[in-house]
Every structure is written in structure tokens, then in C-alpha cells.
């Protein structure tokens, strides 16, 4: 696998291809809010060792990295754009792997489009509390000082737990554009909490009905009630904890994650 893949464009999204289709399910990698495809570098290098030649597509989500903002940024909207990119790349039924926001998008993707599996890295699907916090701070978020809210959130992500050589890849030291945050958080700001939760429950129900493999990789032991809820919705779901990396277990433990995927 060449981890210096040349940038390509699919469905308007900049992406990197690694490996070649060979019968193994391809991986599609989706980063978190404010990040870009470079965050997958450690995982790609680990895959080169334990699963060489695997076909991988790492994309910059709309408005991130080298990808422009494209239309709406709701989970289903972005999942649709990613699916178009997957199709243009000639990949069928991938394993969709997402971190943070990317984990929510991977879940939305797996609920609608053909996949062999979905991996959600440290993105709980109980979002009512986070949505309430955003609404409480909406005036700040829409004003010139919006960056203070982002910095407050980034300060709680456990970046200092990461090995020094990968902290820069976390990408949280740069405040994203206000338009980007408002676009991706619009669903949380404008949708009643019960409806947000029902949408996630419906997605999980469709994933369960399809028999799709679902793996939740957390950076810390999940709340027991959340674990029970997730496993009730998806009885076959696998929950793995990779600690001491804060919100970024894929950066703290790329070799372990690569082995889980392979």
C-alpha cells in the first residue's frame, strides 16, 4: 500500500486512494469536524504493515481540507455525497470508518447504502446534551467570538493524552470557519432533541435489520446506560475501548485499530 496516495477528486470531494481492489472489502475513512484526511496517516501506515494492499479511500469531507462546501451539511446530506464519491471511485460495499462527526456520518451511510460494516470511532449517538449546549451558546456561536466555544470544546478532547508526535494531527488548534461549524451543527441547533434521538434510533434499526456489522470504538469506557441502549438497538454491535488517547483513539492506537479493522 502506498501511503503517499495522489490526491484525486470524486463527487467534488478531494480524496486519496491507497491499495487496489482485490476482493477484500475496501475501507472508506471519514475524519471528524475541523479535521482532514491527513488524520488517517498513522492508521494507513499501520494497515500497510498488518493488512498490506487493502483498498482504502480517505476523503476530505465537504468544507474540510481541499474539499469545498457542497450544499447542506446534514448527516444524511453528507452521507449522500460520500456515497456518490464511493461510486465514482468504483468501490462497492465498503467498510465505512468514521471518527467523531465522521462516525455519525458513517452510521447514517450504513443505514441507507450498501456496506459490509461500519466503524464509529468515539462518537456517541446520544446527542441531546451536546445539542442543548450548542443552543445555550448559539448567540456566541453566531457572533465574532465563536472561536472561544470551539477552543472550550477542544480543551476537553484529551489532546494532551496523545503521543507528542501525533498531537498536531488532531487538528483542533485551528478554529474552523464559522460557516463550517454553523453548517454542520445546524441539525443540532434546529431540530428538537427527541427528533434527533429518533433519527439515530431509526438508523440503528435499519442497520440491525440489514445485519450490518457495527463496531463502536471508544476512547473511554462508555456510559453504562449508553452501552445498554446501543446494544439493545444493535445486539450484534461490538464495543471496544482504546484508552489513553482522549477523543482520538485512532491517533493514540493506530496499530490496534488496524488489527481490529483487518
C-alpha atoms as a PDB file:
ATOM      1  CA  UNK A   1       0.000   0.000   0.000  1.00  0.00           C
ATOM      2  CA  UNK A   2       1.334   3.422  -0.932  1.00  0.00           C
ATOM      3  CA  UNK A   3       0.517   5.763   1.939  1.00  0.00           C
ATOM      4  CA  UNK A   4       1.511   8.741  -0.181  1.00  0.00           C
ATOM      5  CA  UNK A   5      -1.523   8.410  -2.421  1.00  0.00           C
ATOM      6  CA  UNK A   6      -2.021  11.094  -5.013  1.00  0.00           C
ATOM      7  CA  UNK A   7      -4.994  13.396  -4.359  1.00  0.00           C
ATOM      8  CA  UNK A   8      -7.977  12.705  -6.588  1.00  0.00           C
ATOM      9  CA  UNK A   9     -11.464  14.178  -6.779  1.00  0.00           C
ATOM     10  CA  UNK A  10     -14.693  12.188  -6.591  1.00  0.00           C
ATOM     11  CA  UNK A  11     -18.110  13.866  -6.462  1.00  0.00           C
ATOM     12  CA  UNK A  12     -16.366  17.139  -5.679  1.00  0.00           C
ATOM     13  CA  UNK A  13     -14.504  15.685  -2.680  1.00  0.00           C
ATOM     14  CA  UNK A  14     -10.727  15.534  -2.557  1.00  0.00           C
ATOM     15  CA  UNK A  15      -9.542  12.104  -1.584  1.00  0.00           C
ATOM     16  CA  UNK A  16      -6.584   9.745  -1.559  1.00  0.00           C
ATOM     17  CA  UNK A  17      -6.597   6.190  -2.890  1.00  0.00           C
ATOM     18  CA  UNK A  18      -4.392   3.525  -1.388  1.00  0.00           C
ATOM     19  CA  UNK A  19      -4.048  -0.091  -2.445  1.00  0.00           C
ATOM     20  CA  UNK A  20      -6.020  -1.791  -5.182  1.00  0.00           C
ATOM     21  CA  UNK A  21      -9.384  -3.609  -5.198  1.00  0.00           C
ATOM     22  CA  UNK A  22      -8.610  -7.292  -4.692  1.00  0.00           C
ATOM     23  CA  UNK A  23     -11.702  -8.921  -3.239  1.00  0.00           C
ATOM     24  CA  UNK A  24     -11.214  -7.652   0.288  1.00  0.00           C
ATOM     25  CA  UNK A  25     -13.800  -5.044   1.289  1.00  0.00           C
ATOM     26  CA  UNK A  26     -12.446  -1.530   0.801  1.00  0.00           C
ATOM     27  CA  UNK A  27     -12.225   0.933   3.669  1.00  0.00           C
ATOM     28  CA  UNK A  28     -13.682   4.435   3.401  1.00  0.00           C
ATOM     29  CA  UNK A  29     -12.237   6.793   6.023  1.00  0.00           C
ATOM     30  CA  UNK A  30     -14.169   9.844   7.267  1.00  0.00           C
ATOM     31  CA  UNK A  31     -12.469  12.315   9.612  1.00  0.00           C
ATOM     32  CA  UNK A  32     -14.075  14.489  12.275  1.00  0.00           C
ATOM     33  CA  UNK A  33     -15.245  18.094  12.334  1.00  0.00           C
ATOM     34  CA  UNK A  34     -12.378  20.502  11.708  1.00  0.00           C
ATOM     35  CA  UNK A  35     -10.028  17.753  10.548  1.00  0.00           C
ATOM     36  CA  UNK A  36      -8.991  16.400   7.171  1.00  0.00           C
ATOM     37  CA  UNK A  37      -7.815  13.182   5.570  1.00  0.00           C
ATOM     38  CA  UNK A  38      -4.262  13.613   6.906  1.00  0.00           C
ATOM     39  CA  UNK A  39      -5.528  12.419  10.308  1.00  0.00           C
ATOM     40  CA  UNK A  40      -5.594   8.889   8.914  1.00  0.00           C
ATOM     41  CA  UNK A  41      -1.852   8.822   8.195  1.00  0.00           C
ATOM     42  CA  UNK A  42      -0.913   6.731  11.269  1.00  0.00           C
ATOM     43  CA  UNK A  43      -3.698   4.236  10.564  1.00  0.00           C
ATOM     44  CA  UNK A  44      -2.712   3.959   6.901  1.00  0.00           C
ATOM     45  CA  UNK A  45       0.874   3.197   7.873  1.00  0.00           C
ATOM     46  CA  UNK A  46      -0.312   0.597  10.375  1.00  0.00           C
ATOM     47  CA  UNK A  47      -2.544  -1.022   7.752  1.00  0.00           C
ATOM     48  CA  UNK A  48       0.430  -1.203   5.406  1.00  0.00           C
ATOM     49  CA  UNK A  49       2.083  -3.481   7.954  1.00  0.00           C
ATOM     50  CA  UNK A  50      -0.791  -5.704   9.084  1.00  0.00           C
ATOM     51  CA  UNK A  51      -3.068  -5.627   6.019  1.00  0.00           C
ATOM     52  CA  UNK A  52      -0.894  -4.643   3.029  1.00  0.00           C
ATOM     53  CA  UNK A  53      -2.539  -3.710  -0.233  1.00  0.00           C
ATOM     54  CA  UNK A  54      -6.003  -3.135   1.217  1.00  0.00           C
ATOM     55  CA  UNK A  55      -8.017  -0.702  -0.907  1.00  0.00           C
ATOM     56  CA  UNK A  56      -8.641   2.483   1.088  1.00  0.00           C
ATOM     57  CA  UNK A  57     -10.326   5.768   0.203  1.00  0.00           C
ATOM     58  CA  UNK A  58      -9.640   8.644   2.621  1.00  0.00           C
ATOM     59  CA  UNK A  59     -11.727  11.711   1.845  1.00  0.00           C
ATOM     60  CA  UNK A  60     -11.844  15.333   2.908  1.00  0.00           C
ATOM     61  CA  UNK A  61     -15.434  15.935   3.974  1.00  0.00           C
ATOM     62  CA  UNK A  62     -17.253  18.928   2.433  1.00  0.00           C
ATOM     63  CA  UNK A  63     -15.694  22.173   3.626  1.00  0.00           C
ATOM     64  CA  UNK A  64     -12.611  20.433   5.042  1.00  0.00           C
ATOM     65  CA  UNK A  65      -9.084  20.083   3.741  1.00  0.00           C
ATOM     66  CA  UNK A  66      -9.192  20.546  -0.022  1.00  0.00           C
ATOM     67  CA  UNK A  67     -12.930  19.884  -0.421  1.00  0.00           C
ATOM     68  CA  UNK A  68     -15.358  22.779  -0.918  1.00  0.00           C
ATOM     69  CA  UNK A  69     -18.598  23.106   0.977  1.00  0.00           C
ATOM     70  CA  UNK A  70     -21.275  21.285  -1.014  1.00  0.00           C
ATOM     71  CA  UNK A  71     -24.943  22.023  -0.335  1.00  0.00           C
ATOM     72  CA  UNK A  72     -26.296  21.168   3.097  1.00  0.00           C
ATOM     73  CA  UNK A  73     -24.234  19.587   5.838  1.00  0.00           C
ATOM     74  CA  UNK A  74     -26.844  17.373   7.499  1.00  0.00           C
ATOM     75  CA  UNK A  75     -25.694  13.827   8.240  1.00  0.00           C
ATOM     76  CA  UNK A  76     -27.834  12.308   5.502  1.00  0.00           C
ATOM     77  CA  UNK A  77     -26.781  15.018   3.029  1.00  0.00           C
ATOM     78  CA  UNK A  78     -23.076  14.427   3.605  1.00  0.00           C
ATOM     79  CA  UNK A  79     -23.544  10.649   3.562  1.00  0.00           C
ATOM     80  CA  UNK A  80     -25.153  11.002   0.128  1.00  0.00           C
ATOM     81  CA  UNK A  81     -22.167  12.962  -1.206  1.00  0.00           C
ATOM     82  CA  UNK A  82     -19.751  10.404   0.245  1.00  0.00           C
ATOM     83  CA  UNK A  83     -21.737   7.598  -1.375  1.00  0.00           C
ATOM     84  CA  UNK A  84     -21.509   9.361  -4.723  1.00  0.00           C
ATOM     85  CA  UNK A  85     -17.741   9.654  -4.245  1.00  0.00           C
ATOM     86  CA  UNK A  86     -17.502   5.961  -3.346  1.00  0.00           C
ATOM     87  CA  UNK A  87     -19.389   5.103  -6.528  1.00  0.00           C
ATOM     88  CA  UNK A  88     -17.203   7.331  -8.697  1.00  0.00           C
ATOM     89  CA  UNK A  89     -14.151   5.669  -7.149  1.00  0.00           C
ATOM     90  CA  UNK A  90     -15.504   2.302  -8.277  1.00  0.00           C
ATOM     91  CA  UNK A  91     -15.818   0.877  -4.775  1.00  0.00           C
ATOM     92  CA  UNK A  92     -18.696  -1.390  -3.798  1.00  0.00           C
ATOM     93  CA  UNK A  93     -19.997  -2.264  -0.321  1.00  0.00           C
ATOM     94  CA  UNK A  94     -17.148  -0.756   1.712  1.00  0.00           C
ATOM     95  CA  UNK A  95     -16.472  -0.784   5.414  1.00  0.00           C
ATOM     96  CA  UNK A  96     -17.123   2.839   6.375  1.00  0.00           C
ATOM     97  CA  UNK A  97     -14.892   4.081   9.188  1.00  0.00           C
ATOM     98  CA  UNK A  98     -15.560   7.454  10.779  1.00  0.00           C
ATOM     99  CA  UNK A  99     -14.145   9.438  13.675  1.00  0.00           C
ATOM    100  CA  UNK A 100     -16.306  11.841  15.714  1.00  0.00           C
ATOM    101  CA  UNK A 101     -18.572  13.630  13.207  1.00  0.00           C
ATOM    102  CA  UNK A 102     -17.320  11.075  10.687  1.00  0.00           C
ATOM    103  CA  UNK A 103     -18.631   8.310  12.955  1.00  0.00           C
ATOM    104  CA  UNK A 104     -22.108   9.818  12.849  1.00  0.00           C
ATOM    105  CA  UNK A 105     -21.851  10.135   9.058  1.00  0.00           C
ATOM    106  CA  UNK A 106     -20.648   6.525   8.806  1.00  0.00           C
ATOM    107  CA  UNK A 107     -23.703   5.457  10.810  1.00  0.00           C
ATOM    108  CA  UNK A 108     -26.026   7.452   8.556  1.00  0.00           C
ATOM    109  CA  UNK A 109     -24.280   5.977   5.496  1.00  0.00           C
ATOM    110  CA  UNK A 110     -24.624   2.394   6.721  1.00  0.00           C
ATOM    111  CA  UNK A 111     -28.334   2.897   7.368  1.00  0.00           C
ATOM    112  CA  UNK A 112     -29.023   3.725   3.712  1.00  0.00           C
ATOM    113  CA  UNK A 113     -26.289   2.446   1.399  1.00  0.00           C
ATOM    114  CA  UNK A 114     -24.721  -1.000   0.835  1.00  0.00           C
ATOM    115  CA  UNK A 115     -21.848  -1.606   3.246  1.00  0.00           C
ATOM    116  CA  UNK A 116     -20.107  -4.606   4.739  1.00  0.00           C
ATOM    117  CA  UNK A 117     -19.628  -2.823   8.028  1.00  0.00           C
ATOM    118  CA  UNK A 118     -19.480   0.480   9.866  1.00  0.00           C
ATOM    119  CA  UNK A 119     -16.930   1.584  12.449  1.00  0.00           C
ATOM    120  CA  UNK A 120     -17.791   4.545  14.663  1.00  0.00           C
ATOM    121  CA  UNK A 121     -14.765   5.964  16.475  1.00  0.00           C
ATOM    122  CA  UNK A 122     -15.725   7.805  19.663  1.00  0.00           C
ATOM    123  CA  UNK A 123     -18.976   9.417  18.513  1.00  0.00           C
ATOM    124  CA  UNK A 124     -21.837   8.655  20.927  1.00  0.00           C
ATOM    125  CA  UNK A 125     -25.234   8.823  19.276  1.00  0.00           C
ATOM    126  CA  UNK A 126     -26.911  10.300  22.332  1.00  0.00           C
ATOM    127  CA  UNK A 127     -26.684  13.922  21.208  1.00  0.00           C
ATOM    128  CA  UNK A 128     -29.380  15.706  23.234  1.00  0.00           C
ATOM    129  CA  UNK A 129     -26.928  17.051  25.813  1.00  0.00           C
ATOM    130  CA  UNK A 130     -24.492  18.348  23.203  1.00  0.00           C
ATOM    131  CA  UNK A 131     -27.328  19.891  21.195  1.00  0.00           C
ATOM    132  CA  UNK A 132     -28.634  21.647  24.316  1.00  0.00           C
ATOM    133  CA  UNK A 133     -25.157  23.052  24.988  1.00  0.00           C
ATOM    134  CA  UNK A 134     -24.977  24.411  21.439  1.00  0.00           C
ATOM    135  CA  UNK A 135     -28.384  26.026  21.742  1.00  0.00           C
ATOM    136  CA  UNK A 136     -27.411  27.586  25.073  1.00  0.00           C
ATOM    137  CA  UNK A 137     -24.365  29.077  23.334  1.00  0.00           C
ATOM    138  CA  UNK A 138     -25.998  29.886  19.998  1.00  0.00           C
ATOM    139  CA  UNK A 139     -25.540  33.639  20.369  1.00  0.00           C
ATOM    140  CA  UNK A 140     -21.827  33.123  20.969  1.00  0.00           C
ATOM    141  CA  UNK A 141     -21.609  30.615  18.121  1.00  0.00           C
ATOM    142  CA  UNK A 142     -23.141  33.080  15.663  1.00  0.00           C
ATOM    143  CA  UNK A 143     -21.053  36.027  16.843  1.00  0.00           C
ATOM    144  CA  UNK A 144     -17.470  37.160  16.250  1.00  0.00           C
ATOM    145  CA  UNK A 145     -16.233  35.296  19.328  1.00  0.00           C
ATOM    146  CA  UNK A 146     -17.434  31.872  18.175  1.00  0.00           C
ATOM    147  CA  UNK A 147     -13.889  30.543  18.356  1.00  0.00           C
ATOM    148  CA  UNK A 148     -13.965  30.635  22.147  1.00  0.00           C
ATOM    149  CA  UNK A 149     -16.648  27.931  22.115  1.00  0.00           C
ATOM    150  CA  UNK A 150     -14.593  25.767  19.765  1.00  0.00           C
ATOM    151  CA  UNK A 151     -11.500  26.195  21.920  1.00  0.00           C
ATOM    152  CA  UNK A 152     -13.501  25.269  25.003  1.00  0.00           C
ATOM    153  CA  UNK A 153     -14.666  22.076  23.315  1.00  0.00           C
ATOM    154  CA  UNK A 154     -11.189  21.252  22.005  1.00  0.00           C
ATOM    155  CA  UNK A 155      -9.802  21.692  25.507  1.00  0.00           C
ATOM    156  CA  UNK A 156     -11.906  18.758  26.677  1.00  0.00           C
ATOM    157  CA  UNK A 157     -10.856  16.334  23.942  1.00  0.00           C
ATOM    158  CA  UNK A 158      -7.824  14.914  25.739  1.00  0.00           C
ATOM    159  CA  UNK A 159      -5.281  16.010  23.141  1.00  0.00           C
ATOM    160  CA  UNK A 160      -2.615  16.128  25.849  1.00  0.00           C
ATOM    161  CA  UNK A 161      -3.063  12.367  26.294  1.00  0.00           C
ATOM    162  CA  UNK A 162      -1.814  11.739  22.752  1.00  0.00           C
ATOM    163  CA  UNK A 163       1.802  10.912  21.936  1.00  0.00           C
ATOM    164  CA  UNK A 164       3.577  14.212  21.158  1.00  0.00           C
ATOM    165  CA  UNK A 165       4.355  13.205  17.570  1.00  0.00           C
ATOM    166  CA  UNK A 166       0.657  12.963  16.608  1.00  0.00           C
ATOM    167  CA  UNK A 167      -0.877  15.819  18.603  1.00  0.00           C
ATOM    168  CA  UNK A 168      -0.624  18.121  15.612  1.00  0.00           C
ATOM    169  CA  UNK A 169      -2.769  15.731  13.578  1.00  0.00           C
ATOM    170  CA  UNK A 170      -5.690  16.217  15.968  1.00  0.00           C
ATOM    171  CA  UNK A 171      -6.281  19.480  14.115  1.00  0.00           C
ATOM    172  CA  UNK A 172      -8.102  21.173  16.975  1.00  0.00           C
ATOM    173  CA  UNK A 173      -5.679  24.080  17.465  1.00  0.00           C
ATOM    174  CA  UNK A 174      -7.048  25.879  14.396  1.00  0.00           C
ATOM    175  CA  UNK A 175     -10.562  27.251  14.721  1.00  0.00           C
ATOM    176  CA  UNK A 176     -12.708  26.125  11.760  1.00  0.00           C
ATOM    177  CA  UNK A 177     -14.589  28.694   9.722  1.00  0.00           C
ATOM    178  CA  UNK A 178     -17.788  29.884  11.363  1.00  0.00           C
ATOM    179  CA  UNK A 179     -19.764  28.920   8.256  1.00  0.00           C
ATOM    180  CA  UNK A 180     -18.473  25.372   8.562  1.00  0.00           C
ATOM    181  CA  UNK A 181     -19.479  24.965  12.206  1.00  0.00           C
ATOM    182  CA  UNK A 182     -22.904  26.501  11.660  1.00  0.00           C
ATOM    183  CA  UNK A 183     -23.481  24.259   8.652  1.00  0.00           C
ATOM    184  CA  UNK A 184     -22.570  21.002  10.365  1.00  0.00           C
ATOM    185  CA  UNK A 185     -24.281  21.934  13.624  1.00  0.00           C
ATOM    186  CA  UNK A 186     -27.451  23.299  12.029  1.00  0.00           C
ATOM    187  CA  UNK A 187     -29.252  19.979  12.553  1.00  0.00           C
ATOM    188  CA  UNK A 188     -28.421  20.064  16.251  1.00  0.00           C
ATOM    189  CA  UNK A 189     -29.421  23.704  16.598  1.00  0.00           C
ATOM    190  CA  UNK A 190     -32.712  23.498  14.721  1.00  0.00           C
ATOM    191  CA  UNK A 191     -34.105  20.027  15.471  1.00  0.00           C
ATOM    192  CA  UNK A 192     -35.886  19.119  18.727  1.00  0.00           C
ATOM    193  CA  UNK A 193     -33.854  16.710  20.850  1.00  0.00           C
ATOM    194  CA  UNK A 194     -36.430  13.867  20.736  1.00  0.00           C
ATOM    195  CA  UNK A 195     -36.426  14.017  16.937  1.00  0.00           C
ATOM    196  CA  UNK A 196     -32.627  13.922  16.810  1.00  0.00           C
ATOM    197  CA  UNK A 197     -32.630  10.840  19.002  1.00  0.00           C
ATOM    198  CA  UNK A 198     -35.367   9.187  16.971  1.00  0.00           C
ATOM    199  CA  UNK A 199     -33.365   9.692  13.780  1.00  0.00           C
ATOM    200  CA  UNK A 200     -30.393   7.873  15.268  1.00  0.00           C
ATOM    201  CA  UNK A 201     -32.633   5.102  16.611  1.00  0.00           C
ATOM    202  CA  UNK A 202     -34.154   4.642  13.153  1.00  0.00           C
ATOM    203  CA  UNK A 203     -30.698   4.464  11.573  1.00  0.00           C
ATOM    204  CA  UNK A 204     -29.602   1.793  14.021  1.00  0.00           C
ATOM    205  CA  UNK A 205     -32.822  -0.144  13.418  1.00  0.00           C
ATOM    206  CA  UNK A 206     -32.123  -0.197   9.672  1.00  0.00           C
ATOM    207  CA  UNK A 207     -28.529  -1.284  10.273  1.00  0.00           C
ATOM    208  CA  UNK A 208     -29.748  -4.088  12.534  1.00  0.00           C
ATOM    209  CA  UNK A 209     -32.384  -5.181  10.015  1.00  0.00           C
ATOM    210  CA  UNK A 210     -29.719  -5.412   7.305  1.00  0.00           C
ATOM    211  CA  UNK A 211     -27.438  -7.469   9.532  1.00  0.00           C
ATOM    212  CA  UNK A 212     -24.627  -4.967   9.028  1.00  0.00           C
ATOM    213  CA  UNK A 213     -21.612  -5.311  11.307  1.00  0.00           C
ATOM    214  CA  UNK A 214     -21.238  -2.278  13.583  1.00  0.00           C
ATOM    215  CA  UNK A 215     -18.204  -1.551  15.759  1.00  0.00           C
ATOM    216  CA  UNK A 216     -18.080   1.278  18.278  1.00  0.00           C
ATOM    217  CA  UNK A 217     -14.516   2.191  19.267  1.00  0.00           C
ATOM    218  CA  UNK A 218     -14.457   4.465  22.307  1.00  0.00           C
ATOM    219  CA  UNK A 219     -11.633   6.392  23.889  1.00  0.00           C
ATOM    220  CA  UNK A 220     -13.009   5.690  27.372  1.00  0.00           C
ATOM    221  CA  UNK A 221     -15.494   3.286  28.899  1.00  0.00           C
ATOM    222  CA  UNK A 222     -18.949   4.300  27.609  1.00  0.00           C
ATOM    223  CA  UNK A 223     -21.688   5.316  29.994  1.00  0.00           C
ATOM    224  CA  UNK A 224     -23.357   2.031  31.051  1.00  0.00           C
ATOM    225  CA  UNK A 225     -26.789   3.292  30.029  1.00  0.00           C
ATOM    226  CA  UNK A 226     -25.478   4.267  26.609  1.00  0.00           C
ATOM    227  CA  UNK A 227     -23.837   0.880  26.130  1.00  0.00           C
ATOM    228  CA  UNK A 228     -27.109  -0.858  27.049  1.00  0.00           C
ATOM    229  CA  UNK A 229     -29.068   1.371  24.656  1.00  0.00           C
ATOM    230  CA  UNK A 230     -26.639   0.766  21.786  1.00  0.00           C
ATOM    231  CA  UNK A 231     -26.539  -2.991  22.312  1.00  0.00           C
ATOM    232  CA  UNK A 232     -30.326  -3.164  22.640  1.00  0.00           C
ATOM    233  CA  UNK A 233     -30.665  -1.366  19.309  1.00  0.00           C
ATOM    234  CA  UNK A 234     -27.845  -3.397  17.730  1.00  0.00           C
ATOM    235  CA  UNK A 235     -27.482  -6.705  19.599  1.00  0.00           C
ATOM    236  CA  UNK A 236     -24.525  -7.725  17.431  1.00  0.00           C
ATOM    237  CA  UNK A 237     -22.664  -4.432  17.930  1.00  0.00           C
ATOM    238  CA  UNK A 238     -19.084  -4.709  19.146  1.00  0.00           C
ATOM    239  CA  UNK A 239     -17.825  -2.147  21.658  1.00  0.00           C
ATOM    240  CA  UNK A 240     -14.069  -1.724  22.077  1.00  0.00           C
ATOM    241  CA  UNK A 241     -12.320   0.727  24.401  1.00  0.00           C
ATOM    242  CA  UNK A 242      -8.886   2.067  23.397  1.00  0.00           C
ATOM    243  CA  UNK A 243      -7.946   4.293  26.357  1.00  0.00           C
ATOM    244  CA  UNK A 244      -5.329   6.976  26.972  1.00  0.00           C
ATOM    245  CA  UNK A 245      -5.927   8.804  23.713  1.00  0.00           C
ATOM    246  CA  UNK A 246      -8.792  11.089  24.666  1.00  0.00           C
ATOM    247  CA  UNK A 247     -11.193  11.644  21.787  1.00  0.00           C
ATOM    248  CA  UNK A 248      -8.613  10.336  19.286  1.00  0.00           C
ATOM    249  CA  UNK A 249      -8.094   6.585  19.796  1.00  0.00           C
ATOM    250  CA  UNK A 250      -7.184   6.221  16.117  1.00  0.00           C
ATOM    251  CA  UNK A 251      -4.194   8.528  16.667  1.00  0.00           C
ATOM    252  CA  UNK A 252      -3.170   7.015  20.001  1.00  0.00           C
ATOM    253  CA  UNK A 253      -3.542   3.379  18.931  1.00  0.00           C
ATOM    254  CA  UNK A 254      -3.294   3.106  15.121  1.00  0.00           C
ATOM    255  CA  UNK A 255      -1.778  -0.388  15.230  1.00  0.00           C
ATOM    256  CA  UNK A 256      -4.538  -1.739  17.469  1.00  0.00           C
ATOM    257  CA  UNK A 257      -7.226  -0.135  15.325  1.00  0.00           C
ATOM    258  CA  UNK A 258      -5.625  -1.511  12.158  1.00  0.00           C
ATOM    259  CA  UNK A 259      -5.748  -5.014  13.626  1.00  0.00           C
ATOM    260  CA  UNK A 260      -9.410  -4.533  14.562  1.00  0.00           C
ATOM    261  CA  UNK A 261     -10.225  -3.486  11.001  1.00  0.00           C
ATOM    262  CA  UNK A 262      -8.152  -6.180   9.316  1.00  0.00           C
END
